[in-house]
């Protein structure tokens, strides 16, 4: 299984090394993330144990995206039942750059139409879309009229660890805090002091 772990710009090489430590093979740093290969255990470990990744995406397919018909056709050809079971809800999050279609909402709508048409043919009923809290997130990227579609195995961004209910005016993102600790060589074996501690992100990430 191929995965693509996303991260903040500048952390790609560090993330690639972390994925290797988690058991990934064929790891390659890429723009704003790292590509890797592994089985279901890697997918689980990357989501649970990675301190640097923002999302763990599983690429499903790609194809032409130069116009709305091409986008629909590319979405239609993917076997969506592998990631969107019968009765599950889904939503599409789309981004676009350097392409003829520049409206991300329109792009997401055409992808959604392709998914619905494919699943309606597979299941005999129309799947439901839940734009706020779906069972399955589909991430789409249109770049230079080439459309890439992925299943977001993380759901919510992984920097949302769940231990913080409130944040200050300028909180340090948890994944960036972990990156700072990695870069400093901190391994959890010695005391960690943050004399300018705000909401405690650095020390909490260090403790974890």
N, C-alpha and C. Protein backbone atom coordinates (compact mmCIF):
# COMPACT_ATOMS: atom_id res chain seq x y z
N UNK A 1 0.84 -1.19 0.00
CA UNK A 1 0.00 0.00 0.00
C UNK A 1 0.88 1.25 0.00
N UNK A 2 0.53 2.19 -0.86
CA UNK A 2 1.24 3.45 -0.89
C UNK A 2 0.50 4.47 -0.03
N UNK A 3 1.26 5.28 0.68
CA UNK A 3 0.66 6.35 1.47
C UNK A 3 1.40 7.65 1.17
N UNK A 4 0.73 8.76 1.44
CA UNK A 4 1.37 10.06 1.36
C UNK A 4 1.06 10.79 2.65
N UNK A 5 2.10 11.04 3.44
CA UNK A 5 1.93 11.77 4.70
C UNK A 5 2.21 13.24 4.44
N UNK A 6 1.28 14.10 4.80
CA UNK A 6 1.46 15.53 4.58
C UNK A 6 2.09 16.16 5.82
N UNK A 7 2.77 17.29 5.61
CA UNK A 7 3.40 18.00 6.72
C UNK A 7 3.57 19.46 6.37
N UNK A 8 4.00 20.25 7.34
CA UNK A 8 4.29 21.65 7.10
C UNK A 8 5.52 21.78 6.23
N UNK A 9 5.62 22.83 5.42
CA UNK A 9 6.80 23.03 4.57
C UNK A 9 8.08 23.07 5.40
N UNK A 10 9.11 22.39 4.91
CA UNK A 10 10.39 22.36 5.60
C UNK A 10 10.60 21.14 6.47
N UNK A 11 9.54 20.37 6.71
CA UNK A 11 9.66 19.19 7.57
C UNK A 11 9.70 17.89 6.78
N UNK A 12 9.78 17.98 5.45
CA UNK A 12 9.65 16.79 4.63
C UNK A 12 10.70 15.72 4.92
N UNK A 13 11.98 16.12 4.99
CA UNK A 13 13.05 15.15 5.24
C UNK A 13 12.93 14.53 6.62
N UNK A 14 12.56 15.34 7.60
CA UNK A 14 12.38 14.84 8.96
C UNK A 14 11.23 13.84 9.03
N UNK A 15 10.15 14.15 8.31
CA UNK A 15 9.00 13.25 8.27
C UNK A 15 9.37 11.94 7.58
N UNK A 16 10.12 12.01 6.50
CA UNK A 16 10.55 10.80 5.80
C UNK A 16 11.34 9.89 6.72
N UNK A 17 12.23 10.46 7.51
CA UNK A 17 13.01 9.67 8.47
C UNK A 17 12.12 9.06 9.54
N UNK A 18 11.13 9.80 10.00
CA UNK A 18 10.20 9.27 10.99
C UNK A 18 9.43 8.08 10.42
N UNK A 19 8.98 8.17 9.17
CA UNK A 19 8.25 7.06 8.55
C UNK A 19 9.13 5.82 8.44
N UNK A 20 10.41 6.01 8.17
CA UNK A 20 11.33 4.86 8.14
C UNK A 20 11.39 4.20 9.51
N UNK A 21 11.44 4.99 10.56
CA UNK A 21 11.48 4.44 11.92
C UNK A 21 10.20 3.68 12.25
N UNK A 22 9.11 4.05 11.61
CA UNK A 22 7.83 3.39 11.84
C UNK A 22 7.65 2.14 10.98
N UNK A 23 8.66 1.82 10.15
CA UNK A 23 8.61 0.60 9.36
C UNK A 23 8.28 0.76 7.90
N UNK A 24 8.21 2.00 7.41
CA UNK A 24 7.88 2.23 6.00
C UNK A 24 9.07 1.88 5.10
N UNK A 25 8.77 1.51 3.88
CA UNK A 25 9.79 1.25 2.87
C UNK A 25 9.56 2.19 1.68
N UNK A 26 10.54 2.26 0.81
CA UNK A 26 10.46 3.09 -0.39
C UNK A 26 10.02 4.51 -0.02
N UNK A 27 10.66 5.07 0.97
CA UNK A 27 10.30 6.39 1.48
C UNK A 27 10.99 7.46 0.65
N UNK A 28 10.23 8.50 0.30
CA UNK A 28 10.80 9.61 -0.47
C UNK A 28 10.16 10.91 -0.01
N UNK A 29 11.01 11.86 0.37
CA UNK A 29 10.50 13.18 0.72
C UNK A 29 9.98 13.86 -0.54
N UNK A 30 8.86 14.55 -0.41
CA UNK A 30 8.24 15.25 -1.55
C UNK A 30 7.80 16.63 -1.08
N UNK A 31 7.18 17.37 -1.96
CA UNK A 31 6.70 18.70 -1.60
C UNK A 31 5.60 18.60 -0.56
N UNK A 32 5.83 19.19 0.62
CA UNK A 32 4.86 19.23 1.71
C UNK A 32 4.44 17.85 2.19
N UNK A 33 5.38 16.90 2.15
CA UNK A 33 5.04 15.58 2.66
C UNK A 33 6.08 14.55 2.29
N UNK A 34 5.72 13.28 2.48
CA UNK A 34 6.61 12.18 2.15
C UNK A 34 5.79 11.00 1.66
N UNK A 35 6.29 10.36 0.61
CA UNK A 35 5.67 9.15 0.08
C UNK A 35 6.31 7.94 0.74
N UNK A 36 5.53 6.87 0.91
CA UNK A 36 6.06 5.66 1.53
C UNK A 36 5.20 4.47 1.13
N UNK A 37 5.73 3.28 1.38
CA UNK A 37 5.02 2.04 1.09
C UNK A 37 5.02 1.18 2.35
N UNK A 38 3.91 0.48 2.58
CA UNK A 38 3.81 -0.41 3.73
C UNK A 38 2.43 -1.05 3.77
N UNK A 39 2.18 -1.86 4.77
CA UNK A 39 0.91 -2.54 4.92
C UNK A 39 -0.04 -1.81 5.85
N UNK A 40 -1.07 -2.54 6.29
CA UNK A 40 -2.07 -1.93 7.18
C UNK A 40 -1.45 -1.48 8.50
N UNK A 41 -0.43 -2.22 8.98
CA UNK A 41 0.21 -1.84 10.24
C UNK A 41 0.88 -0.47 10.11
N UNK A 42 1.51 -0.21 8.98
CA UNK A 42 2.12 1.10 8.76
C UNK A 42 1.06 2.19 8.78
N UNK A 43 -0.06 1.94 8.12
CA UNK A 43 -1.14 2.93 8.09
C UNK A 43 -1.60 3.25 9.51
N UNK A 44 -1.75 2.23 10.33
CA UNK A 44 -2.15 2.43 11.72
C UNK A 44 -1.07 3.18 12.50
N UNK A 45 0.18 2.73 12.38
CA UNK A 45 1.26 3.35 13.15
C UNK A 45 1.47 4.80 12.73
N UNK A 46 1.37 5.09 11.44
CA UNK A 46 1.57 6.45 10.98
C UNK A 46 0.53 7.39 11.57
N UNK A 47 -0.71 6.92 11.66
CA UNK A 47 -1.78 7.76 12.22
C UNK A 47 -1.66 7.91 13.73
N UNK A 48 -1.24 6.87 14.41
CA UNK A 48 -1.22 6.89 15.88
C UNK A 48 0.10 7.42 16.43
N UNK A 49 1.22 7.07 15.78
CA UNK A 49 2.52 7.34 16.36
C UNK A 49 3.29 8.50 15.73
N UNK A 50 2.93 8.92 14.54
CA UNK A 50 3.67 10.03 13.93
C UNK A 50 3.46 11.30 14.72
N UNK A 51 4.53 12.02 14.97
CA UNK A 51 4.46 13.29 15.67
C UNK A 51 4.55 14.47 14.69
N UNK A 52 4.85 14.18 13.42
CA UNK A 52 5.12 15.25 12.46
C UNK A 52 4.07 15.36 11.36
N UNK A 53 3.41 14.26 11.03
CA UNK A 53 2.46 14.25 9.91
C UNK A 53 1.18 14.99 10.26
N UNK A 54 0.62 15.67 9.27
CA UNK A 54 -0.67 16.34 9.43
C UNK A 54 -1.81 15.41 9.02
N UNK A 55 -1.62 14.66 7.96
CA UNK A 55 -2.62 13.70 7.49
C UNK A 55 -1.91 12.53 6.83
N UNK A 56 -2.54 11.36 6.87
CA UNK A 56 -2.03 10.19 6.16
C UNK A 56 -3.02 9.86 5.05
N UNK A 57 -2.61 10.15 3.83
CA UNK A 57 -3.47 9.94 2.67
C UNK A 57 -3.11 8.65 1.97
N UNK A 58 -4.14 7.97 1.44
CA UNK A 58 -3.94 6.78 0.63
C UNK A 58 -4.37 7.12 -0.80
N UNK A 59 -3.42 7.26 -1.73
CA UNK A 59 -3.78 7.61 -3.11
C UNK A 59 -4.67 6.54 -3.73
N UNK A 60 -5.74 6.98 -4.38
CA UNK A 60 -6.69 6.08 -5.02
C UNK A 60 -6.58 6.08 -6.53
N UNK A 61 -6.16 7.18 -7.10
CA UNK A 61 -6.05 7.26 -8.55
C UNK A 61 -5.90 8.68 -9.01
N UNK A 62 -5.57 8.83 -10.26
CA UNK A 62 -5.44 10.16 -10.85
C UNK A 62 -5.80 10.10 -12.32
N UNK A 63 -5.98 11.27 -12.90
CA UNK A 63 -6.34 11.33 -14.31
C UNK A 63 -6.52 12.76 -14.76
N UNK A 64 -7.00 12.93 -15.99
CA UNK A 64 -7.18 14.28 -16.53
C UNK A 64 -8.19 15.08 -15.73
N UNK A 65 -7.95 16.40 -15.67
CA UNK A 65 -8.88 17.28 -14.97
C UNK A 65 -8.97 18.64 -15.63
N UNK A 66 -8.84 18.65 -16.96
CA UNK A 66 -8.82 19.92 -17.68
C UNK A 66 -10.17 20.59 -17.82
N UNK A 67 -11.25 19.84 -17.66
CA UNK A 67 -12.59 20.42 -17.72
C UNK A 67 -13.52 19.59 -16.85
N UNK A 68 -14.77 20.03 -16.72
CA UNK A 68 -15.67 19.37 -15.79
C UNK A 68 -15.98 17.93 -16.20
N UNK A 69 -16.03 17.65 -17.50
CA UNK A 69 -16.29 16.28 -17.94
C UNK A 69 -15.13 15.35 -17.62
N UNK A 70 -13.91 15.87 -17.79
CA UNK A 70 -12.72 15.08 -17.47
C UNK A 70 -12.66 14.79 -15.97
N UNK A 71 -13.00 15.78 -15.16
CA UNK A 71 -13.00 15.59 -13.70
C UNK A 71 -14.01 14.52 -13.30
N UNK A 72 -15.20 14.60 -13.87
CA UNK A 72 -16.24 13.61 -13.57
C UNK A 72 -15.79 12.22 -14.00
N UNK A 73 -15.17 12.10 -15.17
CA UNK A 73 -14.73 10.81 -15.67
C UNK A 73 -13.62 10.22 -14.80
N UNK A 74 -12.69 11.06 -14.34
CA UNK A 74 -11.61 10.58 -13.48
C UNK A 74 -12.17 10.08 -12.16
N UNK A 75 -13.11 10.80 -11.58
CA UNK A 75 -13.72 10.36 -10.32
C UNK A 75 -14.55 9.10 -10.52
N UNK A 76 -15.21 8.99 -11.65
CA UNK A 76 -16.11 7.86 -11.92
C UNK A 76 -15.36 6.54 -12.05
N UNK A 77 -14.11 6.58 -12.51
CA UNK A 77 -13.39 5.33 -12.79
C UNK A 77 -12.81 4.66 -11.54
N UNK A 78 -12.81 5.34 -10.41
CA UNK A 78 -12.22 4.79 -9.19
C UNK A 78 -13.22 3.88 -8.48
N UNK A 79 -12.73 2.78 -7.93
CA UNK A 79 -13.58 1.82 -7.22
C UNK A 79 -13.81 2.33 -5.79
N UNK A 80 -14.78 3.20 -5.61
CA UNK A 80 -15.00 3.89 -4.35
C UNK A 80 -15.51 2.99 -3.25
N UNK A 81 -16.11 1.86 -3.59
CA UNK A 81 -16.66 1.01 -2.54
C UNK A 81 -15.58 0.43 -1.63
N UNK A 82 -14.32 0.49 -2.06
CA UNK A 82 -13.21 0.02 -1.22
C UNK A 82 -13.00 0.91 0.00
N UNK A 83 -13.38 2.18 -0.11
CA UNK A 83 -13.16 3.10 1.01
C UNK A 83 -14.45 3.74 1.51
N UNK A 84 -15.53 3.67 0.73
CA UNK A 84 -16.82 4.22 1.16
C UNK A 84 -17.84 3.09 1.16
N UNK A 85 -18.01 2.41 2.29
CA UNK A 85 -18.95 1.29 2.33
C UNK A 85 -20.40 1.74 2.20
N UNK A 86 -21.25 0.80 1.90
CA UNK A 86 -22.67 1.09 1.76
C UNK A 86 -23.21 1.67 3.06
N UNK A 87 -23.93 2.78 2.95
CA UNK A 87 -24.52 3.43 4.11
C UNK A 87 -23.63 4.48 4.74
N UNK A 88 -22.35 4.55 4.32
CA UNK A 88 -21.43 5.54 4.90
C UNK A 88 -21.63 6.90 4.23
N UNK A 89 -21.34 7.94 4.97
CA UNK A 89 -21.36 9.29 4.41
C UNK A 89 -19.95 9.69 3.99
N UNK A 90 -19.86 10.64 3.07
CA UNK A 90 -18.55 11.11 2.63
C UNK A 90 -18.61 12.60 2.33
N UNK A 91 -17.43 13.18 2.20
CA UNK A 91 -17.30 14.58 1.79
C UNK A 91 -16.01 14.72 1.00
N UNK A 92 -15.96 15.74 0.16
CA UNK A 92 -14.80 15.99 -0.69
C UNK A 92 -14.17 17.32 -0.32
N UNK A 93 -12.87 17.31 -0.10
CA UNK A 93 -12.11 18.53 0.12
C UNK A 93 -11.15 18.68 -1.05
N UNK A 94 -11.32 19.73 -1.84
CA UNK A 94 -10.56 19.88 -3.08
C UNK A 94 -9.72 21.15 -3.07
N UNK A 95 -8.55 21.05 -3.67
CA UNK A 95 -7.69 22.22 -3.89
C UNK A 95 -7.29 22.24 -5.36
N UNK A 96 -7.02 23.43 -5.86
CA UNK A 96 -6.65 23.57 -7.26
C UNK A 96 -5.60 24.65 -7.42
N UNK A 97 -4.68 24.42 -8.36
CA UNK A 97 -3.62 25.39 -8.64
C UNK A 97 -3.12 25.19 -10.06
N UNK A 98 -2.79 26.28 -10.73
CA UNK A 98 -2.22 26.25 -12.08
C UNK A 98 -3.06 25.41 -13.04
N UNK A 99 -4.38 25.52 -12.93
CA UNK A 99 -5.29 24.73 -13.76
C UNK A 99 -6.38 25.61 -14.34
N UNK A 100 -7.02 25.10 -15.40
CA UNK A 100 -8.10 25.85 -16.05
C UNK A 100 -9.25 26.07 -15.07
N UNK A 101 -9.56 25.06 -14.26
CA UNK A 101 -10.61 25.19 -13.25
C UNK A 101 -9.97 25.69 -11.97
N UNK A 102 -10.36 26.88 -11.55
CA UNK A 102 -9.74 27.51 -10.39
C UNK A 102 -10.66 27.59 -9.18
N UNK A 103 -11.91 27.18 -9.35
CA UNK A 103 -12.89 27.26 -8.26
C UNK A 103 -12.94 25.93 -7.53
N UNK A 104 -12.44 25.90 -6.30
CA UNK A 104 -12.33 24.64 -5.57
C UNK A 104 -13.69 24.04 -5.21
N UNK A 105 -14.71 24.90 -4.98
CA UNK A 105 -16.03 24.38 -4.65
C UNK A 105 -16.64 23.67 -5.85
N UNK A 106 -16.50 24.29 -7.02
CA UNK A 106 -17.00 23.65 -8.24
C UNK A 106 -16.26 22.34 -8.51
N UNK A 107 -14.96 22.35 -8.31
CA UNK A 107 -14.15 21.14 -8.49
C UNK A 107 -14.66 20.02 -7.57
N UNK A 108 -14.86 20.35 -6.30
CA UNK A 108 -15.35 19.35 -5.36
C UNK A 108 -16.72 18.82 -5.74
N UNK A 109 -17.57 19.70 -6.28
CA UNK A 109 -18.92 19.29 -6.68
C UNK A 109 -18.88 18.27 -7.80
N UNK A 110 -18.03 18.51 -8.80
CA UNK A 110 -17.94 17.56 -9.93
C UNK A 110 -17.33 16.23 -9.49
N UNK A 111 -16.38 16.27 -8.57
CA UNK A 111 -15.83 15.02 -8.04
C UNK A 111 -16.91 14.27 -7.28
N UNK A 112 -17.67 15.00 -6.46
CA UNK A 112 -18.77 14.39 -5.71
C UNK A 112 -19.77 13.72 -6.64
N UNK A 113 -20.09 14.37 -7.75
CA UNK A 113 -21.02 13.79 -8.72
C UNK A 113 -20.49 12.47 -9.27
N UNK A 114 -19.19 12.43 -9.57
CA UNK A 114 -18.60 11.19 -10.08
C UNK A 114 -18.65 10.07 -9.05
N UNK A 115 -18.36 10.40 -7.79
CA UNK A 115 -18.41 9.39 -6.73
C UNK A 115 -19.82 8.87 -6.55
N UNK A 116 -20.80 9.78 -6.51
CA UNK A 116 -22.19 9.39 -6.34
C UNK A 116 -22.65 8.49 -7.48
N UNK A 117 -22.31 8.86 -8.72
CA UNK A 117 -22.72 8.04 -9.87
C UNK A 117 -22.12 6.65 -9.81
N UNK A 118 -20.86 6.54 -9.40
CA UNK A 118 -20.21 5.23 -9.31
C UNK A 118 -20.83 4.37 -8.20
N UNK A 119 -21.05 4.95 -7.03
CA UNK A 119 -21.59 4.19 -5.91
C UNK A 119 -23.06 3.85 -6.11
N UNK A 120 -23.80 4.71 -6.78
CA UNK A 120 -25.19 4.40 -7.06
C UNK A 120 -25.29 3.19 -7.98
N UNK A 121 -24.36 3.09 -8.92
CA UNK A 121 -24.31 1.92 -9.81
C UNK A 121 -23.90 0.68 -9.03
N UNK A 122 -22.98 0.81 -8.07
CA UNK A 122 -22.49 -0.33 -7.30
C UNK A 122 -23.52 -0.82 -6.29
N UNK A 123 -24.15 0.11 -5.57
CA UNK A 123 -25.03 -0.25 -4.45
C UNK A 123 -26.51 -0.19 -4.77
N UNK A 124 -26.87 0.46 -5.88
CA UNK A 124 -28.27 0.58 -6.21
C UNK A 124 -28.99 1.67 -5.44
N UNK A 125 -28.24 2.50 -4.75
CA UNK A 125 -28.83 3.62 -4.02
C UNK A 125 -27.83 4.76 -3.95
N UNK A 126 -28.35 5.96 -3.73
CA UNK A 126 -27.50 7.14 -3.70
C UNK A 126 -26.82 7.28 -2.34
N UNK A 127 -25.49 7.41 -2.29
CA UNK A 127 -24.82 7.63 -1.01
C UNK A 127 -25.08 9.03 -0.49
N UNK A 128 -24.92 9.22 0.80
CA UNK A 128 -25.18 10.50 1.43
C UNK A 128 -23.89 11.29 1.62
N UNK A 129 -24.01 12.60 1.44
CA UNK A 129 -22.89 13.51 1.65
C UNK A 129 -23.09 14.24 2.96
N UNK A 130 -22.04 14.28 3.78
CA UNK A 130 -22.07 15.03 5.04
C UNK A 130 -20.86 15.94 5.05
N UNK A 131 -21.02 17.21 4.71
CA UNK A 131 -19.87 18.10 4.57
C UNK A 131 -19.18 18.47 5.88
N UNK A 132 -19.82 18.20 7.03
CA UNK A 132 -19.24 18.62 8.30
C UNK A 132 -18.59 17.47 9.08
N UNK A 133 -19.24 16.33 9.12
CA UNK A 133 -18.72 15.20 9.90
C UNK A 133 -18.95 13.89 9.17
N UNK A 134 -18.29 13.70 8.02
CA UNK A 134 -18.51 12.49 7.23
C UNK A 134 -17.78 11.28 7.82
N UNK A 135 -18.22 10.11 7.42
CA UNK A 135 -17.48 8.89 7.78
C UNK A 135 -16.17 8.81 7.01
N UNK A 136 -16.17 9.32 5.79
CA UNK A 136 -14.99 9.23 4.92
C UNK A 136 -14.70 10.59 4.29
N UNK A 137 -13.45 11.03 4.42
CA UNK A 137 -13.01 12.24 3.73
C UNK A 137 -12.25 11.86 2.46
N UNK A 138 -12.60 12.49 1.36
CA UNK A 138 -11.87 12.35 0.10
C UNK A 138 -11.11 13.65 -0.14
N UNK A 139 -9.80 13.55 -0.31
CA UNK A 139 -8.98 14.73 -0.59
C UNK A 139 -8.62 14.73 -2.07
N UNK A 140 -8.80 15.87 -2.70
CA UNK A 140 -8.54 16.00 -4.13
C UNK A 140 -7.58 17.16 -4.39
N UNK A 141 -6.69 16.94 -5.34
CA UNK A 141 -5.74 18.00 -5.72
C UNK A 141 -5.69 18.08 -7.24
N UNK A 142 -6.01 19.25 -7.75
CA UNK A 142 -5.92 19.50 -9.19
C UNK A 142 -4.73 20.42 -9.43
N UNK A 143 -3.75 19.93 -10.16
CA UNK A 143 -2.54 20.72 -10.43
C UNK A 143 -2.15 20.54 -11.88
N UNK A 144 -2.07 21.66 -12.58
CA UNK A 144 -1.77 21.66 -14.01
C UNK A 144 -2.68 20.71 -14.77
N UNK A 145 -3.98 20.80 -14.43
CA UNK A 145 -5.04 20.03 -15.08
C UNK A 145 -4.92 18.52 -14.87
N UNK A 146 -4.17 18.11 -13.85
CA UNK A 146 -4.05 16.69 -13.50
C UNK A 146 -4.68 16.50 -12.12
N UNK A 147 -5.66 15.61 -12.04
CA UNK A 147 -6.43 15.42 -10.82
C UNK A 147 -5.95 14.18 -10.06
N UNK A 148 -5.63 14.37 -8.79
CA UNK A 148 -5.24 13.26 -7.91
C UNK A 148 -6.27 13.14 -6.80
N UNK A 149 -6.70 11.90 -6.52
CA UNK A 149 -7.73 11.64 -5.52
C UNK A 149 -7.20 10.67 -4.48
N UNK A 150 -7.46 10.98 -3.21
CA UNK A 150 -6.94 10.17 -2.11
C UNK A 150 -7.99 10.00 -1.03
N UNK A 151 -7.88 8.88 -0.31
CA UNK A 151 -8.67 8.66 0.91
C UNK A 151 -7.87 9.20 2.08
N UNK A 152 -8.49 10.04 2.87
CA UNK A 152 -7.85 10.59 4.06
C UNK A 152 -8.11 9.63 5.22
N UNK A 153 -7.11 8.80 5.53
CA UNK A 153 -7.30 7.80 6.59
C UNK A 153 -7.29 8.43 7.97
N UNK A 154 -6.87 9.69 8.08
CA UNK A 154 -6.79 10.35 9.38
C UNK A 154 -8.12 10.99 9.79
N UNK A 155 -8.87 11.45 8.83
CA UNK A 155 -10.12 12.15 9.15
C UNK A 155 -9.83 13.58 9.57
N UNK A 156 -9.55 13.79 10.82
CA UNK A 156 -9.17 15.11 11.31
C UNK A 156 -7.65 15.25 11.27
N UNK A 157 -7.18 16.48 11.16
CA UNK A 157 -5.73 16.71 11.12
C UNK A 157 -5.06 16.16 12.37
N UNK A 158 -3.91 15.55 12.18
CA UNK A 158 -3.25 14.84 13.27
C UNK A 158 -2.62 15.77 14.30
N UNK A 159 -2.47 17.05 13.98
CA UNK A 159 -1.96 17.96 15.03
C UNK A 159 -3.01 18.20 16.11
N UNK A 160 -4.25 17.83 15.81
CA UNK A 160 -5.31 17.93 16.81
C UNK A 160 -5.24 16.70 17.72
N UNK A 161 -4.33 16.74 18.68
CA UNK A 161 -4.05 15.57 19.51
C UNK A 161 -5.22 15.19 20.41
N UNK A 162 -6.04 16.17 20.79
CA UNK A 162 -7.17 15.88 21.67
C UNK A 162 -6.93 16.25 23.12
N UNK A 163 -5.71 16.70 23.46
CA UNK A 163 -5.45 17.05 24.85
C UNK A 163 -5.70 18.52 25.16
N UNK A 164 -6.00 19.33 24.15
CA UNK A 164 -6.19 20.76 24.39
C UNK A 164 -7.61 21.19 24.00
N UNK A 165 -8.29 21.79 24.94
CA UNK A 165 -9.63 22.30 24.66
C UNK A 165 -9.61 23.77 24.29
N UNK A 166 -8.63 24.50 24.78
CA UNK A 166 -8.52 25.92 24.48
C UNK A 166 -7.09 26.23 24.06
N UNK A 167 -6.93 27.29 23.29
CA UNK A 167 -5.61 27.72 22.85
C UNK A 167 -5.48 29.22 23.01
N UNK A 168 -4.25 29.69 23.08
CA UNK A 168 -4.02 31.12 23.19
C UNK A 168 -4.20 31.82 21.86
N UNK A 169 -3.77 33.08 21.80
CA UNK A 169 -3.96 33.87 20.58
C UNK A 169 -3.08 33.38 19.44
N UNK A 170 -1.89 32.90 19.74
CA UNK A 170 -0.97 32.42 18.69
C UNK A 170 -0.38 31.09 19.12
N UNK A 171 -1.19 30.02 19.12
CA UNK A 171 -0.69 28.73 19.60
C UNK A 171 0.32 28.12 18.64
N UNK A 172 1.28 27.41 19.21
CA UNK A 172 2.25 26.67 18.42
C UNK A 172 1.63 25.34 18.03
N UNK A 173 1.59 25.06 16.71
CA UNK A 173 0.99 23.81 16.27
C UNK A 173 1.77 22.62 16.84
N UNK A 174 1.04 21.61 17.27
CA UNK A 174 1.66 20.48 17.96
C UNK A 174 2.70 19.76 17.11
N UNK A 175 2.43 19.61 15.81
CA UNK A 175 3.38 18.94 14.94
C UNK A 175 4.67 19.75 14.80
N UNK A 176 4.55 21.07 14.78
CA UNK A 176 5.74 21.92 14.70
C UNK A 176 6.54 21.86 16.01
N UNK A 177 5.83 21.78 17.13
CA UNK A 177 6.52 21.64 18.41
C UNK A 177 7.33 20.35 18.45
N UNK A 178 6.76 19.27 17.96
CA UNK A 178 7.50 18.01 17.91
C UNK A 178 8.68 18.10 16.98
N UNK A 179 8.52 18.81 15.87
CA UNK A 179 9.63 18.98 14.94
C UNK A 179 10.78 19.74 15.59
N UNK A 180 10.47 20.75 16.38
CA UNK A 180 11.50 21.50 17.09
C UNK A 180 12.25 20.59 18.07
N UNK A 181 11.52 19.71 18.75
CA UNK A 181 12.15 18.79 19.69
C UNK A 181 13.04 17.78 18.98
N UNK A 182 12.54 17.26 17.84
CA UNK A 182 13.36 16.34 17.04
C UNK A 182 14.64 17.03 16.58
N UNK A 183 14.49 18.24 16.07
CA UNK A 183 15.64 18.97 15.54
C UNK A 183 16.65 19.27 16.64
N UNK A 184 16.18 19.46 17.87
CA UNK A 184 17.06 19.74 19.00
C UNK A 184 17.71 18.48 19.57
N UNK A 185 17.28 17.32 19.05
CA UNK A 185 17.85 16.08 19.54
C UNK A 185 17.24 15.57 20.83
N UNK A 186 16.09 16.09 21.21
CA UNK A 186 15.46 15.66 22.46
C UNK A 186 14.88 14.26 22.30
N UNK A 187 15.21 13.36 23.24
CA UNK A 187 14.75 11.97 23.15
C UNK A 187 13.94 11.53 24.36
N UNK A 188 13.59 12.46 25.24
CA UNK A 188 12.77 12.12 26.39
C UNK A 188 13.53 11.57 27.57
N UNK A 189 14.84 11.53 27.48
CA UNK A 189 15.64 10.94 28.55
C UNK A 189 16.12 11.97 29.58
N UNK A 190 15.91 13.22 29.32
CA UNK A 190 16.36 14.24 30.27
C UNK A 190 15.26 15.26 30.49
N UNK A 191 15.45 16.09 31.50
CA UNK A 191 14.44 17.09 31.83
C UNK A 191 14.27 18.09 30.69
N UNK A 192 13.06 18.57 30.53
CA UNK A 192 12.76 19.56 29.48
C UNK A 192 12.18 20.80 30.13
N UNK A 193 12.83 21.92 29.93
CA UNK A 193 12.40 23.18 30.52
C UNK A 193 12.06 24.17 29.41
N UNK A 194 10.88 24.77 29.51
CA UNK A 194 10.48 25.82 28.57
C UNK A 194 10.22 27.08 29.38
N UNK A 195 11.20 27.96 29.54
CA UNK A 195 11.04 29.14 30.39
C UNK A 195 10.08 30.17 29.83
N UNK A 196 9.70 30.03 28.54
CA UNK A 196 8.73 30.96 27.95
C UNK A 196 7.44 30.22 27.61
N UNK A 197 7.09 29.29 28.46
CA UNK A 197 5.93 28.42 28.22
C UNK A 197 4.64 29.23 28.17
N UNK A 198 3.89 29.04 27.08
CA UNK A 198 2.59 29.69 26.95
C UNK A 198 1.49 28.71 27.31
N UNK A 199 1.01 27.96 26.34
CA UNK A 199 -0.04 26.96 26.61
C UNK A 199 0.54 25.56 26.80
N UNK A 200 1.88 25.46 26.88
CA UNK A 200 2.51 24.19 27.24
C UNK A 200 2.72 23.20 26.12
N UNK A 201 2.64 23.65 24.88
CA UNK A 201 2.71 22.71 23.76
C UNK A 201 4.05 21.97 23.72
N UNK A 202 5.15 22.70 23.87
CA UNK A 202 6.46 22.05 23.80
C UNK A 202 6.64 20.99 24.88
N UNK A 203 6.29 21.33 26.11
CA UNK A 203 6.52 20.38 27.19
C UNK A 203 5.55 19.20 27.12
N UNK A 204 4.34 19.43 26.65
CA UNK A 204 3.38 18.32 26.49
C UNK A 204 3.86 17.38 25.40
N UNK A 205 4.30 17.95 24.26
CA UNK A 205 4.81 17.09 23.19
C UNK A 205 6.06 16.35 23.65
N UNK A 206 6.91 17.02 24.45
CA UNK A 206 8.09 16.34 24.98
C UNK A 206 7.71 15.20 25.91
N UNK A 207 6.69 15.39 26.73
CA UNK A 207 6.25 14.33 27.64
C UNK A 207 5.67 13.15 26.86
N UNK A 208 5.00 13.44 25.77
CA UNK A 208 4.40 12.36 24.99
C UNK A 208 5.45 11.58 24.20
